[in-house]
Protein backbone atom coordinates (compact mmCIF):
# COMPACT_ATOMS: atom_id res chain seq x y z
CA MET A 1 -20.32 8.17 -35.16
CA ALA A 2 -18.52 11.06 -33.56
CA ASN A 3 -18.56 14.45 -35.16
CA ASN A 4 -15.57 16.53 -36.16
CA PRO A 5 -14.49 18.75 -33.27
CA ASP A 6 -13.62 21.49 -35.79
CA THR A 7 -17.38 22.07 -36.13
CA ILE A 8 -17.35 23.66 -32.64
CA GLU A 9 -13.95 25.40 -32.78
CA ASP A 10 -15.47 28.81 -32.06
CA GLU A 11 -17.42 27.67 -28.98
CA LYS A 12 -16.29 29.02 -25.65
CA LEU A 13 -16.68 28.39 -21.92
CA ASP A 14 -17.92 31.18 -19.74
CA THR A 15 -15.24 31.50 -17.07
CA SER A 16 -16.32 34.87 -15.71
CA ASP A 17 -17.61 33.51 -12.36
CA VAL A 18 -14.63 31.08 -12.00
CA ASP A 19 -11.96 33.69 -12.43
CA LYS A 20 -12.74 35.58 -9.25
CA TYR A 21 -11.87 32.54 -7.08
CA ILE A 22 -8.35 31.76 -8.41
CA GLY A 23 -5.90 31.32 -5.60
CA GLN A 24 -8.59 31.62 -2.81
CA ARG A 25 -9.54 29.26 -0.09
CA VAL A 26 -13.00 28.03 -0.96
CA ALA A 27 -15.96 26.42 0.72
CA GLY A 28 -16.02 22.60 1.10
CA GLY A 29 -17.23 20.80 4.15
CA GLN A 30 -15.84 18.66 7.03
CA LEU A 31 -16.46 15.15 8.38
CA LYS A 32 -17.93 15.29 11.82
CA GLU A 33 -16.62 12.19 13.52
CA PRO A 34 -13.23 10.53 13.88
CA ILE A 35 -12.29 7.60 11.64
CA ASN A 36 -13.09 4.13 12.97
CA ILE A 37 -11.88 0.66 12.05
CA THR A 38 -15.06 -0.25 10.18
CA ASP A 39 -14.72 2.79 7.95
CA ILE A 40 -11.30 1.55 6.82
CA ARG A 41 -12.63 -2.06 6.40
CA ARG A 42 -15.49 -0.91 4.18
CA TRP A 43 -13.06 1.07 2.08
CA MET A 44 -10.79 -1.95 1.65
CA MET A 45 -13.77 -4.08 0.50
CA ALA A 46 -15.14 -1.41 -1.83
CA LEU A 47 -11.74 -0.98 -3.55
CA ASP A 48 -11.15 -4.74 -3.64
CA TYR A 49 -7.83 -4.44 -1.84
CA TYR A 50 -7.13 -7.48 0.36
CA ASN A 51 -4.26 -6.47 2.63
CA PRO A 52 -4.91 -7.67 6.22
CA ILE A 53 -2.66 -5.07 7.95
CA HIS A 54 -5.47 -2.57 7.25
CA PHE A 55 -8.35 -4.61 8.73
CA GLU A 56 -7.09 -7.61 10.80
CA GLU A 57 -5.62 -6.78 14.28
CA HIS A 58 -3.27 -9.77 14.45
CA ALA A 59 -1.80 -9.00 10.99
CA ALA A 60 -1.36 -5.24 11.97
CA THR A 61 0.34 -6.21 15.27
CA GLU A 62 2.81 -8.51 13.45
CA ARG A 63 3.45 -6.48 10.26
CA ALA A 64 2.34 -2.86 10.29
CA SER A 65 4.95 -0.23 10.99
CA THR A 66 2.91 1.14 13.92
CA GLY A 67 2.05 -2.31 15.31
CA ARG A 68 -1.69 -1.47 14.98
CA ILE A 69 -4.24 -1.10 12.25
CA ILE A 70 -3.59 1.82 9.93
CA ALA A 71 -5.49 3.01 6.91
CA PRO A 72 -4.00 2.53 3.44
CA GLN A 73 -2.59 5.72 2.03
CA SER A 74 -5.40 5.71 -0.53
CA PHE A 75 -7.89 6.29 2.36
CA ALA A 76 -6.98 9.95 2.56
CA ALA A 77 -9.41 10.64 -0.26
CA ASN A 78 -12.17 9.38 2.00
CA CYS A 79 -11.41 11.95 4.69
CA CYS A 80 -13.00 14.97 3.00
CA VAL A 81 -16.26 15.86 1.24
CA GLY A 82 -16.10 15.11 -2.39
CA HIS A 83 -12.81 13.00 -2.29
CA GLY A 84 -10.83 16.19 -3.13
CA SER A 85 -12.85 17.29 -6.14
CA ILE A 86 -14.81 20.17 -4.59
CA PRO A 87 -12.15 22.89 -4.75
CA ALA A 88 -11.63 22.09 -8.44
CA ILE A 89 -15.36 22.66 -9.12
CA THR A 90 -15.33 26.27 -7.96
CA GLY A 91 -17.38 28.90 -9.77
CA ASN A 92 -20.34 28.65 -12.12
CA ILE A 93 -20.02 27.51 -15.71
CA PRO A 94 -23.53 27.50 -17.16
CA GLY A 95 -24.71 24.23 -18.61
CA SER A 96 -21.70 22.32 -17.55
CA HIS A 97 -20.78 18.92 -16.13
CA VAL A 98 -17.45 17.47 -14.93
CA VAL A 99 -15.24 14.41 -15.14
CA PHE A 100 -12.17 13.57 -13.09
CA GLY A 101 -8.97 14.62 -14.81
CA GLY A 102 -6.26 13.53 -12.35
CA ASP A 103 -4.77 13.53 -8.92
CA GLU A 104 -1.39 14.43 -7.46
CA TRP A 105 -0.47 13.42 -3.88
CA TRP A 106 2.28 14.44 -1.48
CA PHE A 107 2.41 12.28 1.69
CA TYR A 108 4.35 13.61 4.68
CA GLY A 109 4.58 10.80 7.24
CA PRO A 110 1.80 10.33 9.67
CA HIS A 111 -0.52 7.39 8.86
CA ILE A 112 -4.24 7.77 9.24
CA GLU A 113 -5.45 5.52 12.08
CA PRO A 114 -8.69 4.65 13.78
CA GLY A 115 -9.51 7.51 16.20
CA ASP A 116 -8.00 10.17 13.97
CA LYS A 117 -10.14 13.20 13.04
CA ILE A 118 -9.06 14.68 9.79
CA HIS A 119 -9.61 18.37 8.96
CA THR A 120 -9.19 19.61 5.39
CA THR A 121 -8.43 22.99 3.85
CA PRO A 122 -9.50 23.44 0.24
CA ARG A 123 -8.16 26.05 -2.20
CA PHE A 124 -8.90 26.75 -5.85
CA ALA A 125 -5.49 26.84 -7.60
CA GLY A 126 -6.48 27.77 -11.15
CA TYR A 127 -7.14 26.24 -14.51
CA LYS A 128 -6.20 25.89 -18.16
CA ILE A 129 -8.51 25.38 -21.16
CA SER A 130 -7.72 22.82 -23.83
CA ASN A 131 -9.63 21.81 -26.94
CA THR A 132 -10.69 18.16 -26.79
CA LYS A 133 -12.41 15.61 -29.05
CA PHE A 134 -14.83 14.80 -26.26
CA ALA A 135 -16.41 18.19 -25.66
CA GLY A 136 -14.41 20.87 -27.43
CA PRO A 137 -13.10 23.44 -24.92
CA VAL A 138 -12.63 21.83 -21.57
CA MET A 139 -11.44 23.54 -18.39
CA PHE A 140 -8.87 21.46 -16.54
CA SER A 141 -9.31 23.05 -13.14
CA HIS A 142 -7.01 22.40 -10.22
CA GLY A 143 -8.07 22.31 -6.50
CA ASP A 144 -5.69 21.77 -3.59
CA THR A 145 -6.77 20.03 -0.34
CA VAL A 146 -4.50 19.93 2.72
CA TYR A 147 -5.24 17.14 5.22
CA ARG A 148 -4.32 17.50 8.90
CA ASN A 149 -5.14 15.26 11.91
CA GLN A 150 -6.36 16.23 15.38
CA ARG A 151 -2.79 16.91 16.46
CA ASP A 152 -2.45 19.41 13.55
CA GLU A 153 0.09 17.14 11.87
CA LEU A 154 0.31 17.53 8.14
CA VAL A 155 -0.82 14.16 6.70
CA CYS A 156 -0.88 14.88 3.02
CA LYS A 157 -1.77 17.25 0.27
CA GLN A 158 -3.82 16.51 -2.82
CA ARG A 159 -4.07 18.43 -6.05
CA CYS A 160 -7.23 17.27 -7.85
CA THR A 161 -7.81 18.11 -11.54
CA MET A 162 -11.36 18.14 -12.93
CA GLY A 163 -12.38 18.44 -16.52
CA ARG A 164 -15.35 20.88 -16.73
CA TYR A 165 -17.17 20.93 -20.03
CA ARG A 166 -20.39 22.08 -21.67
CA VAL A 167 -22.92 19.24 -21.91
CA ASP A 168 -24.45 20.51 -25.19
CA LEU A 169 -21.03 20.27 -26.95
CA ALA A 170 -20.34 16.80 -25.65
CA GLN A 171 -23.74 15.67 -26.92
CA LYS A 172 -23.07 17.23 -30.36
CA LEU A 173 -19.62 15.65 -30.73
CA GLY A 174 -20.70 12.14 -29.53
CA PHE A 175 -17.10 11.16 -28.94
CA TYR A 176 -18.10 7.91 -27.08
CA ASP A 177 -20.92 6.89 -29.41
CA ASP A 178 -18.97 3.83 -30.65
CA ALA A 179 -18.52 2.58 -27.06
CA ALA A 180 -22.20 2.12 -26.32
CA GLU A 181 -21.95 -1.65 -26.13
CA ALA A 182 -20.40 -3.27 -23.08
CA PRO A 183 -17.81 -5.96 -23.80
CA VAL A 184 -18.68 -9.63 -23.56
CA PHE A 185 -15.92 -11.83 -22.14
CA SER A 186 -15.48 -15.52 -22.81
CA GLU A 187 -15.01 -18.01 -19.99
CA ASP A 188 -11.36 -18.34 -20.94
CA GLN A 189 -10.86 -14.60 -20.72
CA LEU A 190 -12.56 -14.42 -17.33
CA ALA A 191 -10.43 -17.35 -16.10
CA GLU A 192 -7.30 -15.52 -17.22
CA PHE A 193 -8.34 -12.35 -15.32
CA LYS A 194 -8.97 -14.46 -12.26
CA ARG A 195 -5.52 -16.12 -12.62
CA LEU A 196 -3.79 -12.75 -12.93
CA LYS A 197 -5.61 -11.44 -9.86
CA GLY A 198 -4.60 -14.49 -7.85
CA GLN A 199 -1.00 -14.07 -9.00
CA TRP A 200 -1.01 -10.43 -8.00
CA LEU A 201 -2.46 -11.22 -4.53
CA ALA A 202 0.12 -13.94 -3.97
CA ALA A 203 3.01 -11.69 -5.01
CA GLY A 204 2.27 -9.11 -2.28
CA ALA A 205 1.10 -11.48 0.44
CA GLY A 206 3.20 -11.25 3.60
CA GLY A 207 4.19 -7.64 2.92
CA SER A 208 7.95 -8.30 2.55
CA GLY A 209 8.21 -6.13 -0.51
CA PRO A 210 10.22 -6.74 -3.75
CA GLY A 211 13.74 -7.02 -2.30
CA GLU A 212 16.42 -5.71 -4.52
CA VAL A 213 14.96 -3.38 -7.24
CA ARG A 214 16.51 -2.36 -10.57
CA PRO A 215 15.32 -0.05 -13.35
CA GLY A 216 13.27 -2.04 -15.83
CA ASP A 217 11.72 -4.39 -13.24
CA LEU A 218 8.09 -5.04 -13.96
CA LEU A 219 5.45 -5.06 -11.24
CA PRO A 220 2.84 -7.84 -11.20
CA THR A 221 -0.28 -7.17 -13.22
CA ARG A 222 -3.44 -6.23 -11.34
CA PRO A 223 -6.84 -6.69 -13.12
CA ILE A 224 -9.91 -5.11 -11.49
CA GLY A 225 -13.47 -5.97 -12.68
CA PRO A 226 -15.63 -6.44 -14.62
CA HIS A 227 -17.11 -3.26 -13.37
CA SER A 228 -20.91 -2.81 -12.89
CA ALA A 229 -23.54 -0.78 -11.20
CA VAL A 230 -22.96 -3.00 -8.16
CA THR A 231 -19.26 -2.27 -7.96
CA PHE A 232 -19.83 1.47 -8.55
CA THR A 233 -22.36 1.47 -5.78
CA LYS A 234 -19.98 -0.36 -3.36
CA GLU A 235 -17.36 2.27 -4.01
CA TYR A 236 -19.67 5.24 -3.56
CA SER A 237 -21.25 3.74 -0.42
CA SER A 238 -17.89 3.49 1.24
CA LEU A 239 -17.37 7.26 1.02
CA LEU A 240 -17.89 8.66 4.53
CA TYR A 241 -19.42 11.94 3.50
CA ASN A 242 -22.33 10.15 1.86
CA ALA A 243 -23.85 8.98 5.18
CA TRP A 244 -26.75 11.10 6.38
CA GLY A 245 -25.50 13.62 8.89
CA GLY A 246 -21.87 12.57 8.47
CA HIS A 247 -20.52 15.97 7.51
CA ASN A 248 -21.22 19.64 7.89
CA TYR A 249 -20.75 22.67 5.64
CA GLU A 250 -19.30 24.98 8.18
CA ASP A 251 -18.06 27.37 5.47
CA GLY A 252 -20.74 26.72 2.83
CA TYR A 253 -20.51 24.61 -0.30
CA LEU A 254 -19.82 26.06 -3.72
CA GLY A 255 -20.11 22.74 -5.56
CA ALA A 256 -23.88 23.05 -5.70
CA GLU A 257 -23.51 26.26 -7.69
CA ALA A 258 -21.28 24.90 -10.43
CA GLY A 259 -23.78 25.45 -13.28
CA TRP A 260 -25.11 21.89 -13.60
CA ILE A 261 -27.84 21.34 -16.20
CA PRO A 262 -31.33 21.12 -14.66
CA GLU A 263 -31.48 17.36 -14.96
CA MET A 264 -28.27 16.96 -12.93
CA THR A 265 -29.14 19.46 -10.21
CA ALA A 266 -30.32 18.21 -6.87
CA GLU A 267 -33.62 19.80 -6.20
CA ASN A 268 -35.67 16.93 -4.92
CA ASP A 269 -38.08 17.69 -2.11
CA ASP A 270 -37.81 14.15 -0.81
CA PRO A 271 -35.25 14.26 2.10
CA THR A 272 -34.34 10.62 1.53
CA MET A 273 -32.88 11.47 -1.89
CA GLN A 274 -29.24 12.36 -1.32
CA VAL A 275 -26.93 14.23 -3.60
CA GLY A 276 -25.06 11.28 -5.04
CA GLN A 277 -26.28 8.18 -6.76
CA ASP A 278 -29.93 9.07 -5.99
CA ASP A 279 -29.98 12.59 -7.26
CA GLY A 280 -27.66 15.42 -8.34
CA PRO A 281 -24.50 15.71 -10.37
CA ALA A 282 -23.08 12.28 -9.42
CA SER A 283 -26.25 10.31 -10.27
CA ALA A 284 -25.07 9.60 -13.88
CA HIS A 285 -22.69 6.93 -12.55
CA THR A 286 -25.60 4.60 -12.00
CA ASP A 287 -28.41 6.07 -14.21
CA ILE A 288 -27.90 5.25 -17.89
CA ASN A 289 -30.18 7.96 -19.11
CA LYS A 290 -28.31 10.64 -17.23
CA ALA A 291 -24.98 9.17 -18.34
CA LYS A 292 -26.05 9.54 -21.96
CA LEU A 293 -27.35 13.04 -21.21
CA ILE A 294 -23.90 14.27 -20.20
CA GLY A 295 -22.15 12.59 -23.23
CA LEU A 296 -21.19 9.20 -21.85
CA PRO A 297 -22.46 5.89 -23.35
CA ARG A 298 -22.69 3.64 -20.34
CA LEU A 299 -22.55 3.75 -16.61
CA TYR A 300 -19.14 4.72 -15.46
CA GLY A 301 -16.91 4.65 -12.36
CA TYR A 302 -15.21 7.24 -10.17
CA GLY A 303 -11.89 8.87 -10.89
CA SER A 304 -11.12 8.82 -7.19
CA SER A 305 -11.37 5.03 -7.31
CA MET A 306 -8.86 4.83 -10.20
CA GLY A 307 -6.48 6.83 -8.08
CA ALA A 308 -7.09 4.65 -5.05
CA TRP A 309 -6.61 1.43 -7.03
CA THR A 310 -3.31 2.68 -8.25
CA LEU A 311 -1.98 3.79 -4.82
CA ASP A 312 -3.04 0.46 -3.36
CA TYR A 313 -1.33 -1.35 -6.22
CA LEU A 314 1.90 0.43 -5.50
CA ALA A 315 1.74 -0.01 -1.77
CA TYR A 316 1.03 -3.75 -2.03
CA TRP A 317 4.03 -4.31 -4.23
CA ALA A 318 6.38 -2.13 -2.14
CA GLY A 319 5.56 -3.96 1.09
CA ASP A 320 4.58 -3.17 4.73
CA GLY A 321 7.64 -1.12 5.52
CA ALA A 322 7.32 1.13 2.43
CA PHE A 323 5.75 4.59 2.08
CA ILE A 324 4.56 6.36 -1.02
CA ARG A 325 6.01 9.88 -0.92
CA HIS A 326 4.58 11.36 -4.06
CA ALA A 327 2.25 10.22 -6.85
CA LYS A 328 0.79 11.84 -9.95
CA PHE A 329 -1.88 10.24 -12.04
CA ASP A 330 -3.73 11.53 -15.16
CA TYR A 331 -7.15 10.05 -15.80
CA ARG A 332 -7.46 9.58 -19.60
CA SER A 333 -10.84 7.79 -19.92
CA PRO A 334 -13.63 6.63 -17.54
CA THR A 335 -13.96 3.09 -16.43
CA PHE A 336 -17.19 2.05 -18.05
CA GLU A 337 -19.64 -0.61 -17.01
CA GLY A 338 -18.48 -4.06 -18.19
CA ASP A 339 -14.85 -3.00 -18.45
CA ILE A 340 -11.81 -4.65 -16.84
CA ALA A 341 -9.21 -2.17 -15.52
CA ILE A 342 -5.70 -3.65 -15.83
CA ILE A 343 -2.82 -1.98 -13.96
CA THR A 344 0.85 -2.54 -14.78
CA GLY A 345 3.98 -0.82 -13.51
CA GLU A 346 7.67 -0.58 -14.31
CA VAL A 347 10.55 0.64 -12.21
CA GLN A 348 12.12 3.70 -13.82
CA ASP A 349 14.80 4.71 -11.28
CA VAL A 350 16.28 3.78 -7.90
CA LYS A 351 18.13 6.40 -5.94
CA TYR A 352 19.27 6.53 -2.36
CA GLU A 353 17.93 9.54 -0.54
CA PRO A 354 20.08 10.56 2.46
CA LEU A 355 17.41 12.82 3.92
CA VAL A 356 15.17 9.85 4.58
CA GLY A 357 17.93 7.25 4.87
CA ALA A 358 16.36 4.87 2.26
CA ASP A 359 16.01 4.12 -1.43
CA ILE A 360 13.43 6.08 -3.34
CA VAL A 361 12.09 4.11 -6.26
CA THR A 362 10.28 5.84 -9.16
CA VAL A 363 7.63 3.66 -10.76
CA LYS A 364 5.82 4.38 -13.98
CA ILE A 365 2.12 3.33 -13.95
CA LEU A 366 -0.31 2.47 -16.70
CA MET A 367 -3.98 1.41 -16.33
CA ALA A 368 -5.82 0.27 -19.47
CA ASN A 369 -9.00 -1.53 -20.27
CA GLN A 370 -9.38 -4.85 -22.09
CA ASP A 371 -9.15 -2.97 -25.44
CA ASP A 372 -5.96 -1.23 -24.49
CA VAL A 373 -7.71 2.12 -24.00
CA VAL A 374 -5.67 4.03 -21.50
CA LEU A 375 -7.55 4.86 -18.35
CA THR A 376 -4.76 6.18 -16.14
CA SER A 377 -1.11 6.98 -16.60
CA GLY A 378 1.35 8.43 -14.19
CA TYR A 379 4.23 7.75 -11.80
CA ALA A 380 5.09 7.54 -8.11
CA GLN A 381 8.11 7.85 -5.82
CA ILE A 382 8.15 5.26 -3.12
CA GLN A 383 10.36 4.95 -0.02
CA LEU A 384 10.95 1.24 -0.03
CA SER A 385 11.76 0.82 3.64
CA SER A 386 11.44 2.87 6.86
CA ALA A 387 14.40 4.99 7.79
């Protein structure tokens, strides 16, 4: 049973090291090689997004706006070290850990294609501290990453929000203690999830888009899961920066100095143990003992995946000629092992934008699990057709 957060109301976060970095460009790291087609294909499989224009040459030739394979817009998060989180984990907070708090994206036009080499510029934007039921005082820190291709074209900008908290306070509060048991689904429930997934896939097949759109229109429901250590491993393995030798830290790396507790610090002498699912701060995603150590009851998924699922959901509904201009998602709760993530959307507004010569549709997004616990909420502005 969770404890009353009032019992730790006088506890504080030590922000003294964080404060000196506010507004500064910070260390991060860069991918070494250009993107290739297989990188995109692995991303599509890991995120369970079956849209052939991103992995089949004939479909791309017939349907994609460029006439060739392009990456989905969600793939941008795979073009930097740490999927955008690193600048938001700047500075040392002793005894801390972190969970994803949200993402905001601005897309400017160029698609990412095989052969592109993406360079990123990270900056620590600042933070606010809020009192939470999960861990008392939590720093919601904001990191900005600008993505440019080899032609120096501005591809997109990401503002990542990370929730940094003291592990000892999360352990004391035990907010997730009642969620220690994974759900058990009946055959009928699993059949219904499968039916909804098939219905969602059929609705977007062909890439023609929704046609005439009005406020109040509902998007097809997309279920994803059940999630497991296997699905979490697939997602993590598709991230390019996890490959040995796939990136460099030309300007250092501050994330290693974030103040992790000893059990979550990568100090293994075995060179085959990589910072990630094997060792280090991300290893709690697939190690139940480490998950419990940082205040979470079961294995859990990645916030970057929740953002990618949602961007893919919007793009698939909008069609091949559409383009997501802006999206903002708040991550409210992790996706735990055994959960089903269910995404729904509703059109809020449709407005012609003369600057782009097309309708811009605002869609409200909600992702919840099988128990109606909100995982993600947010909205996006989508250009429905090319100018």
